[in-house]
Amino acid sequence: MKIVTTLGLKMTDIIPSTGEQFHPTNHPTKDPELWALSQSLESSFLSEMLSSAGLGKAVGEFGGGIGEEQFSSFLNQTHADAMVAKGGIGLAESIYRSLAN
């Protein structure tokens, strides 16, 4: 299936390909422990970015109060873990390469 813009260009002509996404099963010589650590660091980074963006903050006067504020970090961490499990933003791959060298 080809995705074509109104100008007749394929999306791959506009957006450069970064190649296949790294996963330890794609590269059996890579260290799975180091990959898990890299994903954990990416997840922590994304969790902090979600917190800074205001995800999980109480809205209006009928928010969850202090309990909601205390547990919003768990929600942000869960969202970040889900993002990393789906491929993340590529930070784990960069961290892995830096740690492997």
N, C-alpha and C. Protein backbone atom coordinates (compact mmCIF):
# COMPACT_ATOMS: atom_id res chain seq x y z
N MET A 1 0.84 -1.18 0.00
CA MET A 1 0.00 0.00 0.00
C MET A 1 0.88 1.24 0.00
N LYS A 2 0.64 2.15 -0.92
CA LYS A 2 1.40 3.38 -1.01
C LYS A 2 0.57 4.53 -0.47
N ILE A 3 1.23 5.36 0.33
CA ILE A 3 0.58 6.58 0.80
C ILE A 3 1.08 7.70 -0.09
N VAL A 4 0.16 8.38 -0.75
CA VAL A 4 0.54 9.42 -1.69
C VAL A 4 -0.07 10.74 -1.24
N THR A 5 0.73 11.79 -1.27
CA THR A 5 0.23 13.12 -0.92
C THR A 5 -0.48 13.72 -2.13
N THR A 6 -1.05 14.89 -1.97
CA THR A 6 -1.74 15.54 -3.07
C THR A 6 -0.78 15.97 -4.17
N LEU A 7 0.51 16.05 -3.86
CA LEU A 7 1.51 16.42 -4.86
C LEU A 7 2.06 15.21 -5.60
N GLY A 8 1.60 14.02 -5.24
CA GLY A 8 2.08 12.82 -5.90
C GLY A 8 3.35 12.24 -5.29
N LEU A 9 3.79 12.76 -4.18
CA LEU A 9 4.99 12.25 -3.51
C LEU A 9 4.60 11.19 -2.50
N LYS A 10 5.45 10.19 -2.35
CA LYS A 10 5.25 9.21 -1.29
C LYS A 10 5.73 9.83 0.02
N MET A 11 5.17 9.37 1.13
CA MET A 11 5.59 9.89 2.43
C MET A 11 7.07 9.60 2.68
N THR A 12 7.59 8.52 2.12
CA THR A 12 9.00 8.21 2.31
C THR A 12 9.89 9.20 1.57
N ASP A 13 9.34 9.91 0.58
CA ASP A 13 10.10 10.94 -0.10
C ASP A 13 10.25 12.18 0.77
N ILE A 14 9.31 12.39 1.68
CA ILE A 14 9.29 13.58 2.52
C ILE A 14 9.96 13.31 3.86
N ILE A 15 9.64 12.17 4.46
CA ILE A 15 10.15 11.82 5.78
C ILE A 15 11.27 10.79 5.60
N PRO A 16 12.49 11.12 6.00
CA PRO A 16 13.58 10.16 5.83
C PRO A 16 13.38 8.94 6.71
N SER A 17 13.73 7.80 6.20
CA SER A 17 13.60 6.56 6.95
C SER A 17 14.79 6.43 7.90
N THR A 18 14.50 6.00 9.12
CA THR A 18 15.57 5.79 10.10
C THR A 18 15.97 4.32 10.17
N GLY A 19 15.43 3.51 9.30
CA GLY A 19 15.76 2.08 9.30
C GLY A 19 14.86 1.33 10.26
N GLU A 20 15.15 0.07 10.45
CA GLU A 20 14.31 -0.73 11.33
C GLU A 20 14.57 -0.35 12.78
N GLN A 21 13.54 -0.50 13.57
CA GLN A 21 13.65 -0.15 14.98
C GLN A 21 14.42 -1.25 15.70
N PHE A 22 15.28 -0.84 16.61
CA PHE A 22 16.10 -1.81 17.35
C PHE A 22 15.25 -2.56 18.37
N HIS A 23 15.43 -3.83 18.42
CA HIS A 23 14.83 -4.67 19.45
C HIS A 23 15.79 -5.83 19.64
N PRO A 24 16.00 -6.28 20.88
CA PRO A 24 17.00 -7.32 21.11
C PRO A 24 16.74 -8.60 20.32
N THR A 25 15.48 -8.91 19.99
CA THR A 25 15.21 -10.11 19.22
C THR A 25 15.63 -9.95 17.77
N ASN A 26 15.70 -8.70 17.27
CA ASN A 26 16.18 -8.45 15.92
C ASN A 26 17.70 -8.57 15.84
N HIS A 27 18.37 -8.37 16.95
CA HIS A 27 19.83 -8.38 17.01
C HIS A 27 20.26 -9.26 18.18
N PRO A 28 20.37 -10.57 17.95
CA PRO A 28 20.63 -11.49 19.06
C PRO A 28 21.96 -11.27 19.75
N THR A 29 22.89 -10.53 19.15
CA THR A 29 24.18 -10.31 19.79
C THR A 29 24.13 -9.18 20.82
N LYS A 30 23.03 -8.45 20.88
CA LYS A 30 22.89 -7.34 21.83
C LYS A 30 22.56 -7.88 23.22
N ASP A 31 22.97 -7.14 24.22
CA ASP A 31 22.77 -7.52 25.62
C ASP A 31 21.35 -7.15 26.07
N PRO A 32 20.50 -8.13 26.41
CA PRO A 32 19.13 -7.83 26.82
C PRO A 32 19.03 -7.01 28.11
N GLU A 33 19.98 -7.22 29.04
CA GLU A 33 19.96 -6.44 30.28
C GLU A 33 20.23 -4.97 30.02
N LEU A 34 21.18 -4.71 29.15
CA LEU A 34 21.50 -3.33 28.79
C LEU A 34 20.35 -2.68 28.04
N TRP A 35 19.67 -3.46 27.20
CA TRP A 35 18.50 -2.94 26.47
C TRP A 35 17.37 -2.61 27.45
N ALA A 36 17.14 -3.47 28.44
CA ALA A 36 16.09 -3.20 29.43
C ALA A 36 16.42 -1.94 30.24
N LEU A 37 17.68 -1.76 30.58
CA LEU A 37 18.10 -0.56 31.29
C LEU A 37 17.87 0.68 30.43
N SER A 38 18.19 0.59 29.14
CA SER A 38 17.99 1.71 28.23
C SER A 38 16.52 2.07 28.11
N GLN A 39 15.66 1.06 28.03
CA GLN A 39 14.22 1.32 27.97
C GLN A 39 13.72 1.94 29.26
N SER A 40 14.26 1.50 30.38
CA SER A 40 13.87 2.06 31.67
C SER A 40 14.23 3.55 31.77
N LEU A 41 15.41 3.89 31.27
CA LEU A 41 15.82 5.30 31.28
C LEU A 41 14.94 6.15 30.36
N GLU A 42 14.59 5.60 29.19
CA GLU A 42 13.68 6.32 28.30
C GLU A 42 12.31 6.50 28.94
N SER A 43 11.84 5.47 29.62
CA SER A 43 10.55 5.55 30.30
C SER A 43 10.55 6.61 31.40
N SER A 44 11.63 6.67 32.16
CA SER A 44 11.74 7.69 33.21
C SER A 44 11.75 9.10 32.62
N PHE A 45 12.48 9.26 31.51
CA PHE A 45 12.53 10.55 30.83
C PHE A 45 11.14 10.96 30.34
N LEU A 46 10.45 10.03 29.69
CA LEU A 46 9.12 10.33 29.18
C LEU A 46 8.14 10.64 30.31
N SER A 47 8.27 9.94 31.43
CA SER A 47 7.40 10.20 32.58
C SER A 47 7.58 11.64 33.09
N GLU A 48 8.83 12.07 33.16
CA GLU A 48 9.10 13.44 33.60
C GLU A 48 8.56 14.46 32.60
N MET A 49 8.68 14.16 31.32
CA MET A 49 8.16 15.07 30.29
C MET A 49 6.64 15.15 30.36
N LEU A 50 5.98 14.02 30.62
CA LEU A 50 4.53 14.02 30.76
C LEU A 50 4.10 14.82 31.98
N SER A 51 4.87 14.70 33.06
CA SER A 51 4.57 15.48 34.27
C SER A 51 4.73 16.97 34.01
N SER A 52 5.80 17.32 33.29
CA SER A 52 6.03 18.73 32.96
C SER A 52 4.95 19.29 32.05
N ALA A 53 4.40 18.42 31.21
CA ALA A 53 3.34 18.84 30.29
C ALA A 53 2.00 18.99 31.00
N GLY A 54 1.91 18.50 32.23
CA GLY A 54 0.68 18.67 33.00
C GLY A 54 -0.26 17.49 32.94
N LEU A 55 0.17 16.37 32.39
CA LEU A 55 -0.69 15.19 32.35
C LEU A 55 -0.92 14.69 33.77
N GLY A 56 -2.16 14.48 34.13
CA GLY A 56 -2.49 13.97 35.45
C GLY A 56 -2.80 15.02 36.49
N LYS A 57 -2.74 16.30 36.11
CA LYS A 57 -3.07 17.35 37.06
C LYS A 57 -4.59 17.46 37.24
N ALA A 58 -5.00 17.81 38.44
CA ALA A 58 -6.43 17.96 38.73
C ALA A 58 -7.00 19.12 37.93
N VAL A 59 -8.21 18.90 37.40
CA VAL A 59 -8.86 19.91 36.58
C VAL A 59 -10.06 20.47 37.36
N GLY A 60 -10.08 21.78 37.54
CA GLY A 60 -11.22 22.41 38.18
C GLY A 60 -11.31 22.14 39.67
N GLU A 61 -12.43 22.56 40.24
CA GLU A 61 -12.63 22.41 41.68
C GLU A 61 -13.02 21.01 42.09
N PHE A 62 -13.47 20.20 41.15
CA PHE A 62 -13.93 18.86 41.50
C PHE A 62 -12.90 17.79 41.14
N GLY A 63 -11.62 18.15 41.22
CA GLY A 63 -10.55 17.19 40.97
C GLY A 63 -10.45 16.23 42.14
N GLY A 64 -9.48 15.34 42.07
CA GLY A 64 -9.34 14.30 43.08
C GLY A 64 -8.63 14.74 44.35
N GLY A 65 -8.25 15.99 44.44
CA GLY A 65 -7.59 16.48 45.65
C GLY A 65 -6.17 16.01 45.77
N ILE A 66 -5.72 15.92 47.02
CA ILE A 66 -4.32 15.57 47.26
C ILE A 66 -4.00 14.15 46.82
N GLY A 67 -4.97 13.26 46.90
CA GLY A 67 -4.75 11.88 46.46
C GLY A 67 -4.45 11.80 44.98
N GLU A 68 -5.18 12.58 44.21
CA GLU A 68 -4.93 12.59 42.77
C GLU A 68 -3.55 13.13 42.46
N GLU A 69 -3.14 14.15 43.18
CA GLU A 69 -1.81 14.72 42.96
C GLU A 69 -0.72 13.71 43.29
N GLN A 70 -0.93 12.95 44.37
CA GLN A 70 0.10 11.99 44.79
C GLN A 70 0.20 10.80 43.83
N PHE A 71 -0.92 10.37 43.28
CA PHE A 71 -0.91 9.19 42.43
C PHE A 71 -0.77 9.49 40.94
N SER A 72 -0.74 10.76 40.57
CA SER A 72 -0.60 11.10 39.15
C SER A 72 0.75 10.66 38.60
N SER A 73 1.77 10.58 39.46
CA SER A 73 3.07 10.12 38.98
C SER A 73 3.01 8.66 38.52
N PHE A 74 2.17 7.85 39.19
CA PHE A 74 2.01 6.46 38.77
C PHE A 74 1.34 6.38 37.39
N LEU A 75 0.37 7.25 37.16
CA LEU A 75 -0.30 7.31 35.87
C LEU A 75 0.69 7.72 34.78
N ASN A 76 1.49 8.74 35.06
CA ASN A 76 2.48 9.19 34.09
C ASN A 76 3.50 8.09 33.78
N GLN A 77 3.93 7.37 34.81
CA GLN A 77 4.89 6.29 34.60
C GLN A 77 4.28 5.17 33.76
N THR A 78 3.02 4.86 34.00
CA THR A 78 2.34 3.82 33.23
C THR A 78 2.20 4.24 31.77
N HIS A 79 1.85 5.50 31.54
CA HIS A 79 1.76 6.00 30.16
C HIS A 79 3.14 5.93 29.49
N ALA A 80 4.17 6.33 30.20
CA ALA A 80 5.53 6.30 29.65
C ALA A 80 5.96 4.88 29.34
N ASP A 81 5.66 3.93 30.23
CA ASP A 81 6.01 2.52 29.98
C ASP A 81 5.31 2.00 28.73
N ALA A 82 4.03 2.38 28.56
CA ALA A 82 3.28 1.96 27.38
C ALA A 82 3.87 2.56 26.10
N MET A 83 4.30 3.81 26.18
CA MET A 83 4.92 4.45 25.02
C MET A 83 6.21 3.73 24.63
N VAL A 84 7.02 3.40 25.60
CA VAL A 84 8.29 2.72 25.34
C VAL A 84 8.03 1.32 24.79
N ALA A 85 7.01 0.63 25.32
CA ALA A 85 6.68 -0.71 24.84
C ALA A 85 6.25 -0.69 23.37
N LYS A 86 5.69 0.42 22.92
CA LYS A 86 5.26 0.56 21.53
C LYS A 86 6.34 1.16 20.63
N GLY A 87 7.54 1.34 21.15
CA GLY A 87 8.63 1.84 20.33
C GLY A 87 9.22 3.14 20.83
N GLY A 88 8.50 3.86 21.68
CA GLY A 88 9.03 5.09 22.27
C GLY A 88 9.40 6.15 21.25
N ILE A 89 10.37 6.96 21.61
CA ILE A 89 10.80 8.05 20.74
C ILE A 89 12.21 7.81 20.20
N GLY A 90 12.73 6.61 20.43
CA GLY A 90 14.06 6.28 19.93
C GLY A 90 15.19 6.58 20.89
N LEU A 91 14.86 7.10 22.05
CA LEU A 91 15.89 7.44 23.03
C LEU A 91 16.58 6.20 23.58
N ALA A 92 15.83 5.11 23.79
CA ALA A 92 16.42 3.89 24.33
C ALA A 92 17.51 3.34 23.40
N GLU A 93 17.28 3.44 22.11
CA GLU A 93 18.28 2.97 21.16
C GLU A 93 19.57 3.80 21.26
N SER A 94 19.42 5.11 21.39
CA SER A 94 20.59 5.97 21.54
C SER A 94 21.33 5.70 22.84
N ILE A 95 20.57 5.52 23.91
CA ILE A 95 21.18 5.22 25.20
C ILE A 95 21.91 3.87 25.13
N TYR A 96 21.27 2.89 24.51
CA TYR A 96 21.89 1.56 24.38
C TYR A 96 23.23 1.67 23.64
N ARG A 97 23.22 2.36 22.53
CA ARG A 97 24.46 2.48 21.75
C ARG A 97 25.56 3.18 22.55
N SER A 98 25.17 4.20 23.32
CA SER A 98 26.16 4.91 24.14
C SER A 98 26.73 4.01 25.24
N LEU A 99 25.86 3.23 25.88
CA LEU A 99 26.31 2.37 26.96
C LEU A 99 27.09 1.17 26.44
N ALA A 100 26.77 0.71 25.25
CA ALA A 100 27.44 -0.47 24.70
C ALA A 100 28.87 -0.16 24.28
N ASN A 101 29.14 1.10 23.98
CA ASN A 101 30.50 1.46 23.52
C ASN A 101 31.43 1.66 24.64
